[in-house]
Amino acid sequence: MPSAGALGRHAFTAAIGGAFVLLIALPLGLVLAQVFMPALFDAETGPGSFSLAALAHSLGDPRSVLAIVHSLLLACIAAASATALGFLYALVMQRTDVPWRPALALAPWLVFLTPGYLKALAWVLLMAPRGYLAQFGLVPVWLQHAFLGLPGLVFVHTLNLFPLAYFIAASAMTGLGGEFEDAARTVGASPWQAWLRINLPLLGPAVALAFLAIFAEVVADFGMAATIARTINFGLLTYSIFTATSDFPVDFALAGSQSLVLLSMLALVLAGDRLLRRQRPRHEHEDAKARYMTTGERTASNTVPTPTLFDPVVHQERMA
């Protein structure tokens, strides 16, 4: 007979699972079900039969296709720029004696914890043609027009999400030993050659994870889509879903179809994370073997940690 502790654990797990189904899976499932059964809740005609007509109509709608293309384009460019900025910031914080280290270490947290909608609204108030900076003549006209476009969206997303890449990079660089660099320097490699040929490949999984995480954040973001993107008529998938549910009559089939596309993008990100998770043991084994060949150490305790989307990011700052 199971013990009281085991019964309690099973009951707790069942309660968590039931809450997840009731509060998340069921409402989302009902929205997605109307993609294939548009008349599911129609009291006059009944639920109807299974059909792909609504999904085909949504994917054939030029506005929906344009929103998907815009979302993918913005997510790829912003993820690349934010990942590069985050890793550069982590490199400066981890490998240099930059002054004002406590303030610089706090800045990414302040940016990360500030709601994205407020940051987007602040940039619109600053950079709009009649914004604060324009009223004082501090922003040229060409820069205002450039901001109210794809470059402005990429710029704001980069500043908004680079802390995520910084946290991942700082966690990975904390476990990055200097043995390989020292060995490369002894055979005549310059510091940049040692970094590009040794450290950067070791940080490759962390770079990929940061890109995937930021890509998912950009695709699922609504704050920028409802502010800057809406102002410049740059349709994005999240705002297109919002308009489908806010207009009358509510087009649940269109909203569900676009939600299905959005979830498919996020599912690809999770698949990429699983791929990184499976490759991590092999990379750590190769790293441990290389360390033994270089230093004679048989331990793998100093291998570079490769976080995943489901692992807590441990942020540790190097002492000045």
C-alpha atoms as a PDB file:
ATOM      1  CA  MET A   1       0.000   0.000   0.000  1.00  0.00           C
ATOM      2  CA  PRO A   2       1.439   3.408  -0.894  1.00  0.00           C
ATOM      3  CA  SER A   3       2.649   5.518   1.987  1.00  0.00           C
ATOM      4  CA  ALA A   4       1.022   8.756   3.025  1.00  0.00           C
ATOM      5  CA  GLY A   5       3.932  10.724   1.566  1.00  0.00           C
ATOM      6  CA  ALA A   6       3.625   8.999  -1.809  1.00  0.00           C
ATOM      7  CA  LEU A   7      -0.133   9.604  -1.882  1.00  0.00           C
ATOM      8  CA  GLY A   8       0.462  13.254  -1.050  1.00  0.00           C
ATOM      9  CA  ARG A   9       2.974  13.635  -3.862  1.00  0.00           C
ATOM     10  CA  HIS A  10       0.619  11.983  -6.351  1.00  0.00           C
ATOM     11  CA  ALA A  11      -2.247  14.192  -5.211  1.00  0.00           C
ATOM     12  CA  PHE A  12      -0.095  17.302  -5.578  1.00  0.00           C
ATOM     13  CA  THR A  13       0.971  16.248  -9.090  1.00  0.00           C
ATOM     14  CA  ALA A  14      -2.640  15.524 -10.050  1.00  0.00           C
ATOM     15  CA  ALA A  15      -3.733  18.928  -8.720  1.00  0.00           C
ATOM     16  CA  ILE A  16      -1.036  20.733 -10.706  1.00  0.00           C
ATOM     17  CA  GLY A  17      -1.933  18.771 -13.845  1.00  0.00           C
ATOM     18  CA  GLY A  18      -5.638  19.465 -13.407  1.00  0.00           C
ATOM     19  CA  ALA A  19      -5.022  23.174 -12.904  1.00  0.00           C
ATOM     20  CA  PHE A  20      -2.869  23.285 -16.043  1.00  0.00           C
ATOM     21  CA  VAL A  21      -5.556  21.558 -18.105  1.00  0.00           C
ATOM     22  CA  LEU A  22      -8.373  23.708 -16.735  1.00  0.00           C
ATOM     23  CA  LEU A  23      -6.647  27.094 -16.854  1.00  0.00           C
ATOM     24  CA  ILE A  24      -4.350  26.799 -19.886  1.00  0.00           C
ATOM     25  CA  ALA A  25      -4.840  23.723 -22.060  1.00  0.00           C
ATOM     26  CA  LEU A  26      -8.655  23.804 -22.204  1.00  0.00           C
ATOM     27  CA  PRO A  27      -9.116  27.498 -23.200  1.00  0.00           C
ATOM     28  CA  LEU A  28      -6.272  27.280 -25.715  1.00  0.00           C
ATOM     29  CA  GLY A  29      -7.596  23.999 -27.076  1.00  0.00           C
ATOM     30  CA  LEU A  30     -11.057  25.475 -27.602  1.00  0.00           C
ATOM     31  CA  VAL A  31      -9.581  28.359 -29.587  1.00  0.00           C
ATOM     32  CA  LEU A  32      -7.493  26.021 -31.737  1.00  0.00           C
ATOM     33  CA  ALA A  33     -10.425  23.632 -32.206  1.00  0.00           C
ATOM     34  CA  GLN A  34     -12.338  26.357 -34.036  1.00  0.00           C
ATOM     35  CA  VAL A  35      -9.656  26.334 -36.718  1.00  0.00           C
ATOM     36  CA  PHE A  36     -10.943  22.949 -37.849  1.00  0.00           C
ATOM     37  CA  MET A  37     -14.569  23.363 -36.656  1.00  0.00           C
ATOM     38  CA  PRO A  38     -15.468  27.060 -37.120  1.00  0.00           C
ATOM     39  CA  ALA A  39     -19.105  26.502 -36.076  1.00  0.00           C
ATOM     40  CA  LEU A  40     -18.184  24.648 -32.887  1.00  0.00           C
ATOM     41  CA  PHE A  41     -20.181  26.993 -30.641  1.00  0.00           C
ATOM     42  CA  ASP A  42     -22.818  28.071 -33.161  1.00  0.00           C
ATOM     43  CA  ALA A  43     -26.178  27.398 -31.505  1.00  0.00           C
ATOM     44  CA  GLU A  44     -28.088  27.482 -34.803  1.00  0.00           C
ATOM     45  CA  THR A  45     -25.994  25.281 -37.093  1.00  0.00           C
ATOM     46  CA  GLY A  46     -24.293  23.113 -34.488  1.00  0.00           C
ATOM     47  CA  PRO A  47     -20.612  22.222 -34.298  1.00  0.00           C
ATOM     48  CA  GLY A  48     -20.441  21.097 -37.914  1.00  0.00           C
ATOM     49  CA  SER A  49     -17.849  18.754 -39.375  1.00  0.00           C
ATOM     50  CA  PHE A  50     -14.069  18.748 -39.511  1.00  0.00           C
ATOM     51  CA  SER A  51     -12.709  21.086 -42.189  1.00  0.00           C
ATOM     52  CA  LEU A  52      -9.437  22.706 -43.210  1.00  0.00           C
ATOM     53  CA  ALA A  53     -11.163  25.526 -45.085  1.00  0.00           C
ATOM     54  CA  ALA A  54     -10.637  28.103 -42.327  1.00  0.00           C
ATOM     55  CA  LEU A  55      -6.934  27.292 -42.068  1.00  0.00           C
ATOM     56  CA  ALA A  56      -6.506  27.419 -45.844  1.00  0.00           C
ATOM     57  CA  HIS A  57      -8.359  30.745 -45.988  1.00  0.00           C
ATOM     58  CA  SER A  58      -6.151  32.193 -43.248  1.00  0.00           C
ATOM     59  CA  LEU A  59      -2.919  31.047 -44.870  1.00  0.00           C
ATOM     60  CA  GLY A  60      -4.143  32.381 -48.200  1.00  0.00           C
ATOM     61  CA  ASP A  61      -5.052  35.803 -46.822  1.00  0.00           C
ATOM     62  CA  PRO A  62      -2.369  38.292 -47.950  1.00  0.00           C
ATOM     63  CA  ARG A  63      -2.514  40.180 -44.640  1.00  0.00           C
ATOM     64  CA  SER A  64      -2.009  37.010 -42.623  1.00  0.00           C
ATOM     65  CA  VAL A  65       0.865  35.864 -44.828  1.00  0.00           C
ATOM     66  CA  LEU A  66       2.463  39.302 -44.590  1.00  0.00           C
ATOM     67  CA  ALA A  67       2.138  39.261 -40.788  1.00  0.00           C
ATOM     68  CA  ILE A  68       3.840  35.858 -40.639  1.00  0.00           C
ATOM     69  CA  VAL A  69       6.669  37.024 -42.918  1.00  0.00           C
ATOM     70  CA  HIS A  70       7.107  40.237 -40.926  1.00  0.00           C
ATOM     71  CA  SER A  71       7.220  38.309 -37.651  1.00  0.00           C
ATOM     72  CA  LEU A  72       9.829  35.859 -38.919  1.00  0.00           C
ATOM     73  CA  LEU A  73      11.958  38.615 -40.468  1.00  0.00           C
ATOM     74  CA  LEU A  74      11.874  40.777 -37.355  1.00  0.00           C
ATOM     75  CA  ALA A  75      12.517  37.817 -35.043  1.00  0.00           C
ATOM     76  CA  CYS A  76      15.572  36.630 -37.000  1.00  0.00           C
ATOM     77  CA  ILE A  77      17.207  40.064 -37.261  1.00  0.00           C
ATOM     78  CA  ALA A  78      16.409  41.135 -33.697  1.00  0.00           C
ATOM     79  CA  ALA A  79      17.521  37.787 -32.245  1.00  0.00           C
ATOM     80  CA  ALA A  80      20.856  38.024 -34.056  1.00  0.00           C
ATOM     81  CA  SER A  81      21.510  41.625 -32.971  1.00  0.00           C
ATOM     82  CA  ALA A  82      20.362  41.119 -29.374  1.00  0.00           C
ATOM     83  CA  THR A  83      22.440  37.942 -29.056  1.00  0.00           C
ATOM     84  CA  ALA A  84      25.539  39.728 -30.363  1.00  0.00           C
ATOM     85  CA  LEU A  85      25.032  42.685 -28.006  1.00  0.00           C
ATOM     86  CA  GLY A  86      24.354  40.448 -25.011  1.00  0.00           C
ATOM     87  CA  PHE A  87      27.479  38.359 -25.574  1.00  0.00           C
ATOM     88  CA  LEU A  88      29.582  41.481 -26.130  1.00  0.00           C
ATOM     89  CA  TYR A  89      28.257  42.927 -22.877  1.00  0.00           C
ATOM     90  CA  ALA A  90      29.031  39.686 -21.044  1.00  0.00           C
ATOM     91  CA  LEU A  91      32.533  39.610 -22.544  1.00  0.00           C
ATOM     92  CA  VAL A  92      33.236  43.128 -21.293  1.00  0.00           C
ATOM     93  CA  MET A  93      31.873  42.319 -17.841  1.00  0.00           C
ATOM     94  CA  GLN A  94      33.630  38.960 -17.519  1.00  0.00           C
ATOM     95  CA  ARG A  95      36.990  39.585 -19.165  1.00  0.00           C
ATOM     96  CA  THR A  96      37.805  43.263 -18.518  1.00  0.00           C
ATOM     97  CA  ASP A  97      38.233  45.531 -15.513  1.00  0.00           C
ATOM     98  CA  VAL A  98      35.592  47.981 -16.658  1.00  0.00           C
ATOM     99  CA  PRO A  99      34.824  50.748 -14.130  1.00  0.00           C
ATOM    100  CA  TRP A 100      31.449  51.140 -12.459  1.00  0.00           C
ATOM    101  CA  ARG A 101      30.961  47.379 -12.515  1.00  0.00           C
ATOM    102  CA  PRO A 102      28.060  47.243  -9.982  1.00  0.00           C
ATOM    103  CA  ALA A 103      26.033  49.782 -11.964  1.00  0.00           C
ATOM    104  CA  LEU A 104      26.768  48.031 -15.261  1.00  0.00           C
ATOM    105  CA  ALA A 105      25.793  44.676 -13.740  1.00  0.00           C
ATOM    106  CA  LEU A 106      22.492  46.139 -12.521  1.00  0.00           C
ATOM    107  CA  ALA A 107      21.578  47.729 -15.867  1.00  0.00           C
ATOM    108  CA  PRO A 108      20.568  44.487 -17.675  1.00  0.00           C
ATOM    109  CA  TRP A 109      18.284  43.542 -14.789  1.00  0.00           C
ATOM    110  CA  LEU A 110      16.557  46.926 -14.879  1.00  0.00           C
ATOM    111  CA  VAL A 111      16.035  46.617 -18.622  1.00  0.00           C
ATOM    112  CA  PHE A 112      14.847  43.014 -18.335  1.00  0.00           C
ATOM    113  CA  LEU A 113      12.347  43.713 -15.529  1.00  0.00           C
ATOM    114  CA  THR A 114      10.801  46.789 -17.165  1.00  0.00           C
ATOM    115  CA  PRO A 115       7.640  45.855 -19.135  1.00  0.00           C
ATOM    116  CA  GLY A 116       8.236  45.826 -22.873  1.00  0.00           C
ATOM    117  CA  TYR A 117       5.098  47.844 -23.572  1.00  0.00           C
ATOM    118  CA  LEU A 118       6.367  50.742 -21.438  1.00  0.00           C
ATOM    119  CA  LYS A 119       9.745  50.716 -23.173  1.00  0.00           C
ATOM    120  CA  ALA A 120       8.120  50.712 -26.601  1.00  0.00           C
ATOM    121  CA  LEU A 121       5.767  53.538 -25.633  1.00  0.00           C
ATOM    122  CA  ALA A 122       8.698  55.549 -24.250  1.00  0.00           C
ATOM    123  CA  TRP A 123      10.638  55.202 -27.500  1.00  0.00           C
ATOM    124  CA  VAL A 124       7.601  56.272 -29.519  1.00  0.00           C
ATOM    125  CA  LEU A 125       7.201  59.387 -27.364  1.00  0.00           C
ATOM    126  CA  LEU A 126      10.893  60.146 -27.827  1.00  0.00           C
ATOM    127  CA  MET A 127      11.397  59.442 -31.520  1.00  0.00           C
ATOM    128  CA  ALA A 128       8.035  60.205 -33.118  1.00  0.00           C
ATOM    129  CA  PRO A 129       7.917  63.179 -35.544  1.00  0.00           C
ATOM    130  CA  ARG A 130       6.234  65.239 -32.812  1.00  0.00           C
ATOM    131  CA  GLY A 131       7.992  63.512 -29.940  1.00  0.00           C
ATOM    132  CA  TYR A 132      10.015  65.061 -27.169  1.00  0.00           C
ATOM    133  CA  LEU A 133      13.365  64.901 -28.946  1.00  0.00           C
ATOM    134  CA  ALA A 134      11.923  66.234 -32.208  1.00  0.00           C
ATOM    135  CA  GLN A 135      10.386  69.226 -30.437  1.00  0.00           C
ATOM    136  CA  PHE A 136      13.820  70.238 -29.194  1.00  0.00           C
ATOM    137  CA  GLY A 137      15.418  69.606 -32.581  1.00  0.00           C
ATOM    138  CA  LEU A 138      17.651  66.828 -31.240  1.00  0.00           C
ATOM    139  CA  VAL A 139      16.641  64.203 -33.811  1.00  0.00           C
ATOM    140  CA  PRO A 140      17.088  64.752 -37.573  1.00  0.00           C
ATOM    141  CA  VAL A 141      14.164  63.986 -39.845  1.00  0.00           C
ATOM    142  CA  TRP A 142      15.892  61.066 -41.560  1.00  0.00           C
ATOM    143  CA  LEU A 143      16.488  59.386 -38.194  1.00  0.00           C
ATOM    144  CA  GLN A 144      12.823  59.771 -37.277  1.00  0.00           C
ATOM    145  CA  HIS A 145      11.776  58.076 -40.512  1.00  0.00           C
ATOM    146  CA  ALA A 146      14.358  55.331 -40.010  1.00  0.00           C
ATOM    147  CA  PHE A 147      13.098  54.688 -36.492  1.00  0.00           C
ATOM    148  CA  LEU A 148       9.502  54.382 -37.673  1.00  0.00           C
ATOM    149  CA  GLY A 149      10.304  51.272 -39.687  1.00  0.00           C
ATOM    150  CA  LEU A 150      11.972  47.905 -39.460  1.00  0.00           C
ATOM    151  CA  PRO A 151      15.300  49.394 -38.212  1.00  0.00           C
ATOM    152  CA  GLY A 152      13.485  51.032 -35.300  1.00  0.00           C
ATOM    153  CA  LEU A 153      11.736  47.800 -34.359  1.00  0.00           C
ATOM    154  CA  VAL A 154      15.030  45.902 -34.469  1.00  0.00           C
ATOM    155  CA  PHE A 155      16.725  48.608 -32.408  1.00  0.00           C
ATOM    156  CA  VAL A 156      14.096  48.603 -29.654  1.00  0.00           C
ATOM    157  CA  HIS A 157      13.868  44.796 -29.544  1.00  0.00           C
ATOM    158  CA  THR A 158      17.667  44.591 -29.317  1.00  0.00           C
ATOM    159  CA  LEU A 159      17.802  46.950 -26.351  1.00  0.00           C
ATOM    160  CA  ASN A 160      14.817  45.208 -24.800  1.00  0.00           C
ATOM    161  CA  LEU A 161      16.066  41.616 -25.038  1.00  0.00           C
ATOM    162  CA  PHE A 162      19.867  41.770 -24.944  1.00  0.00           C
ATOM    163  CA  PRO A 163      19.780  41.088 -21.139  1.00  0.00           C
ATOM    164  CA  LEU A 164      18.476  37.590 -21.872  1.00  0.00           C
ATOM    165  CA  ALA A 165      21.529  36.846 -24.014  1.00  0.00           C
ATOM    166  CA  TYR A 166      23.740  38.501 -21.407  1.00  0.00           C
ATOM    167  CA  PHE A 167      22.442  36.233 -18.621  1.00  0.00           C
ATOM    168  CA  ILE A 168      23.029  33.105 -20.704  1.00  0.00           C
ATOM    169  CA  ALA A 169      26.472  34.257 -21.852  1.00  0.00           C
ATOM    170  CA  ALA A 170      27.565  35.254 -18.344  1.00  0.00           C
ATOM    171  CA  SER A 171      26.524  31.851 -17.017  1.00  0.00           C
ATOM    172  CA  ALA A 172      28.476  30.081 -19.768  1.00  0.00           C
ATOM    173  CA  MET A 173      31.572  32.271 -19.466  1.00  0.00           C
ATOM    174  CA  THR A 174      31.693  31.707 -15.708  1.00  0.00           C
ATOM    175  CA  GLY A 175      32.510  28.044 -16.316  1.00  0.00           C
ATOM    176  CA  LEU A 176      34.885  28.739 -19.187  1.00  0.00           C
ATOM    177  CA  GLY A 177      38.366  27.855 -17.991  1.00  0.00           C
ATOM    178  CA  GLY A 178      41.544  29.437 -19.273  1.00  0.00           C
ATOM    179  CA  GLU A 179      43.564  26.281 -19.899  1.00  0.00           C
ATOM    180  CA  PHE A 180      42.861  26.168 -23.634  1.00  0.00           C
ATOM    181  CA  GLU A 181      43.698  29.843 -24.057  1.00  0.00           C
ATOM    182  CA  ASP A 182      46.966  29.410 -22.155  1.00  0.00           C
ATOM    183  CA  ALA A 183      47.907  26.410 -24.288  1.00  0.00           C
ATOM    184  CA  ALA A 184      47.179  28.361 -27.476  1.00  0.00           C
ATOM    185  CA  ARG A 185      49.216  31.342 -26.284  1.00  0.00           C
ATOM    186  CA  THR A 186      52.220  29.113 -25.612  1.00  0.00           C
ATOM    187  CA  VAL A 187      52.304  28.086 -29.283  1.00  0.00           C
ATOM    188  CA  GLY A 188      52.165  31.680 -30.523  1.00  0.00           C
ATOM    189  CA  ALA A 189      48.450  32.377 -30.918  1.00  0.00           C
ATOM    190  CA  SER A 190      47.306  35.943 -30.317  1.00  0.00           C
ATOM    191  CA  PRO A 191      44.552  36.670 -27.767  1.00  0.00           C
ATOM    192  CA  TRP A 192      42.005  37.184 -30.563  1.00  0.00           C
ATOM    193  CA  GLN A 193      43.031  33.962 -32.296  1.00  0.00           C
ATOM    194  CA  ALA A 194      42.744  32.044 -29.035  1.00  0.00           C
ATOM    195  CA  TRP A 195      39.315  33.502 -28.395  1.00  0.00           C
ATOM    196  CA  LEU A 196      37.944  32.922 -31.896  1.00  0.00           C
ATOM    197  CA  ARG A 197      39.334  29.399 -32.300  1.00  0.00           C
ATOM    198  CA  ILE A 198      38.915  28.061 -28.759  1.00  0.00           C
ATOM    199  CA  ASN A 199      36.469  29.955 -26.568  1.00  0.00           C
ATOM    200  CA  LEU A 200      33.908  30.867 -29.216  1.00  0.00           C
ATOM    201  CA  PRO A 201      33.336  27.244 -30.345  1.00  0.00           C
ATOM    202  CA  LEU A 202      32.934  26.221 -26.699  1.00  0.00           C
ATOM    203  CA  LEU A 203      30.296  28.912 -26.283  1.00  0.00           C
ATOM    204  CA  GLY A 204      28.476  27.862 -29.460  1.00  0.00           C
ATOM    205  CA  PRO A 205      25.592  26.036 -27.709  1.00  0.00           C
ATOM    206  CA  ALA A 206      25.029  29.034 -25.427  1.00  0.00           C
ATOM    207  CA  VAL A 207      24.956  31.346 -28.476  1.00  0.00           C
ATOM    208  CA  ALA A 208      22.391  29.083 -30.138  1.00  0.00           C
ATOM    209  CA  LEU A 209      20.268  28.987 -26.991  1.00  0.00           C
ATOM    210  CA  ALA A 210      20.307  32.771 -26.649  1.00  0.00           C
ATOM    211  CA  PHE A 211      19.260  33.161 -30.283  1.00  0.00           C
ATOM    212  CA  LEU A 212      16.389  30.684 -29.879  1.00  0.00           C
ATOM    213  CA  ALA A 213      15.159  32.244 -26.639  1.00  0.00           C
ATOM    214  CA  ILE A 214      15.190  35.786 -28.056  1.00  0.00           C
ATOM    215  CA  PHE A 215      13.591  34.579 -31.294  1.00  0.00           C
ATOM    216  CA  ALA A 216      10.708  33.129 -29.283  1.00  0.00           C
ATOM    217  CA  GLU A 217      10.376  36.326 -27.245  1.00  0.00           C
ATOM    218  CA  VAL A 218      10.195  38.517 -30.357  1.00  0.00           C
ATOM    219  CA  VAL A 219       7.664  36.283 -32.112  1.00  0.00           C
ATOM    220  CA  ALA A 220       5.401  36.183 -29.049  1.00  0.00           C
ATOM    221  CA  ASP A 221       5.818  39.859 -28.086  1.00  0.00           C
ATOM    222  CA  PHE A 222       2.714  42.046 -28.123  1.00  0.00           C
ATOM    223  CA  GLY A 223       4.024  45.297 -26.643  1.00  0.00           C
ATOM    224  CA  MET A 224       6.063  46.320 -29.687  1.00  0.00           C
ATOM    225  CA  ALA A 225       3.404  44.996 -32.047  1.00  0.00           C
ATOM    226  CA  ALA A 226       0.731  47.178 -30.452  1.00  0.00           C
ATOM    227  CA  THR A 227       2.852  50.344 -30.343  1.00  0.00           C
ATOM    228  CA  ILE A 228       5.667  50.869 -32.850  1.00  0.00           C
ATOM    229  CA  ALA A 229       4.591  48.226 -35.376  1.00  0.00           C
ATOM    230  CA  ARG A 230       0.974  49.410 -35.354  1.00  0.00           C
ATOM    231  CA  THR A 231       2.084  53.038 -35.765  1.00  0.00           C
ATOM    232  CA  ILE A 232       4.065  52.251 -38.922  1.00  0.00           C
ATOM    233  CA  ASN A 233       1.522  49.707 -40.226  1.00  0.00           C
ATOM    234  CA  PHE A 234       4.061  46.880 -39.939  1.00  0.00           C
ATOM    235  CA  GLY A 235       1.694  43.977 -39.330  1.00  0.00           C
ATOM    236  CA  LEU A 236       2.874  41.321 -36.889  1.00  0.00           C
ATOM    237  CA  LEU A 237       1.311  38.000 -36.006  1.00  0.00           C
ATOM    238  CA  THR A 238       0.427  38.765 -32.374  1.00  0.00           C
ATOM    239  CA  TYR A 239      -1.347  42.014 -33.250  1.00  0.00           C
ATOM    240  CA  SER A 240      -3.135  40.298 -36.133  1.00  0.00           C
ATOM    241  CA  ILE A 241      -4.513  37.773 -33.640  1.00  0.00           C
ATOM    242  CA  PHE A 242      -5.624  40.637 -31.411  1.00  0.00           C
ATOM    243  CA  THR A 243      -7.461  42.414 -34.235  1.00  0.00           C
ATOM    244  CA  ALA A 244      -9.211  39.183 -35.239  1.00  0.00           C
ATOM    245  CA  THR A 245     -10.644  38.845 -31.719  1.00  0.00           C
ATOM    246  CA  SER A 246     -11.337  42.533 -31.062  1.00  0.00           C
ATOM    247  CA  ASP A 247     -13.333  43.310 -34.217  1.00  0.00           C
ATOM    248  CA  PHE A 248     -17.028  42.511 -34.509  1.00  0.00           C
ATOM    249  CA  PRO A 249     -18.005  39.884 -35.343  1.00  0.00           C
ATOM    250  CA  VAL A 250     -15.152  38.016 -33.712  1.00  0.00           C
ATOM    251  CA  ASP A 251     -13.340  35.804 -36.212  1.00  0.00           C
ATOM    252  CA  PHE A 252     -12.323  32.898 -34.005  1.00  0.00           C
ATOM    253  CA  ALA A 253     -11.338  30.779 -36.994  1.00  0.00           C
ATOM    254  CA  LEU A 254      -8.834  33.392 -38.202  1.00  0.00           C
ATOM    255  CA  ALA A 255      -7.513  33.998 -34.696  1.00  0.00           C
ATOM    256  CA  GLY A 256      -7.153  30.272 -34.117  1.00  0.00           C
ATOM    257  CA  SER A 257      -5.374  29.734 -37.427  1.00  0.00           C
ATOM    258  CA  GLN A 258      -2.866  32.476 -36.693  1.00  0.00           C
ATOM    259  CA  SER A 259      -2.456  31.194 -33.131  1.00  0.00           C
ATOM    260  CA  LEU A 260      -1.685  27.767 -34.548  1.00  0.00           C
ATOM    261  CA  VAL A 261       1.043  29.277 -36.746  1.00  0.00           C
ATOM    262  CA  LEU A 262       2.453  31.142 -33.741  1.00  0.00           C
ATOM    263  CA  LEU A 263       2.490  28.008 -31.610  1.00  0.00           C
ATOM    264  CA  SER A 264       4.187  26.115 -34.442  1.00  0.00           C
ATOM    265  CA  MET A 265       7.022  28.682 -34.436  1.00  0.00           C
ATOM    266  CA  LEU A 266       7.410  28.321 -30.677  1.00  0.00           C
ATOM    267  CA  ALA A 267       7.338  24.532 -31.002  1.00  0.00           C
ATOM    268  CA  LEU A 268      10.294  24.733 -33.372  1.00  0.00           C
ATOM    269  CA  VAL A 269      12.164  26.732 -30.723  1.00  0.00           C
ATOM    270  CA  LEU A 270      11.446  24.054 -28.129  1.00  0.00           C
ATOM    271  CA  ALA A 271      12.612  21.393 -30.587  1.00  0.00           C
ATOM    272  CA  GLY A 272      15.868  23.314 -30.998  1.00  0.00           C
ATOM    273  CA  ASP A 273      16.256  23.413 -27.221  1.00  0.00           C
ATOM    274  CA  ARG A 274      15.758  19.638 -27.020  1.00  0.00           C
ATOM    275  CA  LEU A 275      18.406  19.185 -29.696  1.00  0.00           C
ATOM    276  CA  LEU A 276      20.854  21.277 -27.664  1.00  0.00           C
ATOM    277  CA  ARG A 277      19.964  19.265 -24.570  1.00  0.00           C
ATOM    278  CA  ARG A 278      20.792  15.980 -26.320  1.00  0.00           C
ATOM    279  CA  GLN A 279      24.084  17.322 -27.662  1.00  0.00           C
ATOM    280  CA  ARG A 280      25.249  18.709 -24.304  1.00  0.00           C
ATOM    281  CA  PRO A 281      26.614  15.415 -22.842  1.00  0.00           C
ATOM    282  CA  ARG A 282      28.661  14.779 -25.996  1.00  0.00           C
ATOM    283  CA  HIS A 283      30.160  18.284 -25.939  1.00  0.00           C
ATOM    284  CA  GLU A 284      31.003  18.005 -22.246  1.00  0.00           C
ATOM    285  CA  HIS A 285      32.705  14.636 -22.823  1.00  0.00           C
ATOM    286  CA  GLU A 286      34.813  16.045 -25.652  1.00  0.00           C
ATOM    287  CA  ASP A 287      35.679  19.098 -23.548  1.00  0.00           C
ATOM    288  CA  ALA A 288      36.746  16.919 -20.615  1.00  0.00           C
ATOM    289  CA  LYS A 289      38.900  14.783 -22.899  1.00  0.00           C
ATOM    290  CA  ALA A 290      40.557  17.866 -24.372  1.00  0.00           C
ATOM    291  CA  ARG A 291      41.256  19.216 -20.902  1.00  0.00           C
ATOM    292  CA  TYR A 292      42.937  15.985 -19.913  1.00  0.00           C
ATOM    293  CA  MET A 293      45.095  16.080 -23.049  1.00  0.00           C
ATOM    294  CA  THR A 294      46.025  19.704 -22.300  1.00  0.00           C
ATOM    295  CA  THR A 295      46.418  19.812 -18.515  1.00  0.00           C
ATOM    296  CA  GLY A 296      46.336  16.209 -17.354  1.00  0.00           C
ATOM    297  CA  GLU A 297      43.149  16.811 -15.350  1.00  0.00           C
ATOM    298  CA  ARG A 298      40.627  13.984 -15.404  1.00  0.00           C
ATOM    299  CA  THR A 299      37.781  15.979 -13.926  1.00  0.00           C
ATOM    300  CA  ALA A 300      35.037  17.558 -15.988  1.00  0.00           C
ATOM    301  CA  SER A 301      33.864  19.896 -13.242  1.00  0.00           C
ATOM    302  CA  ASN A 302      35.064  22.984 -15.089  1.00  0.00           C
ATOM    303  CA  THR A 303      33.396  22.274 -18.398  1.00  0.00           C
ATOM    304  CA  VAL A 304      31.378  25.034 -19.949  1.00  0.00           C
ATOM    305  CA  PRO A 305      27.756  24.815 -18.796  1.00  0.00           C
ATOM    306  CA  THR A 306      25.257  24.758 -21.628  1.00  0.00           C
ATOM    307  CA  PRO A 307      21.968  26.052 -20.220  1.00  0.00           C
ATOM    308  CA  THR A 308      18.674  25.249 -21.885  1.00  0.00           C
ATOM    309  CA  LEU A 309      15.341  27.021 -21.991  1.00  0.00           C
ATOM    310  CA  PHE A 310      14.200  24.886 -19.054  1.00  0.00           C
ATOM    311  CA  ASP A 311      17.314  25.344 -16.906  1.00  0.00           C
ATOM    312  CA  PRO A 312      17.632  28.185 -14.389  1.00  0.00           C
ATOM    313  CA  VAL A 313      20.179  30.756 -15.522  1.00  0.00           C
ATOM    314  CA  VAL A 314      22.722  31.267 -12.784  1.00  0.00           C
ATOM    315  CA  HIS A 315      24.097  34.781 -13.056  1.00  0.00           C
ATOM    316  CA  GLN A 316      27.496  35.197 -11.440  1.00  0.00           C
ATOM    317  CA  GLU A 317      29.622  38.300 -11.821  1.00  0.00           C
ATOM    318  CA  ARG A 318      33.415  38.221 -11.739  1.00  0.00           C
ATOM    319  CA  MET A 319      34.857  40.299  -8.901  1.00  0.00           C
ATOM    320  CA  ALA A 320      36.581  43.497  -9.967  1.00  0.00           C
END
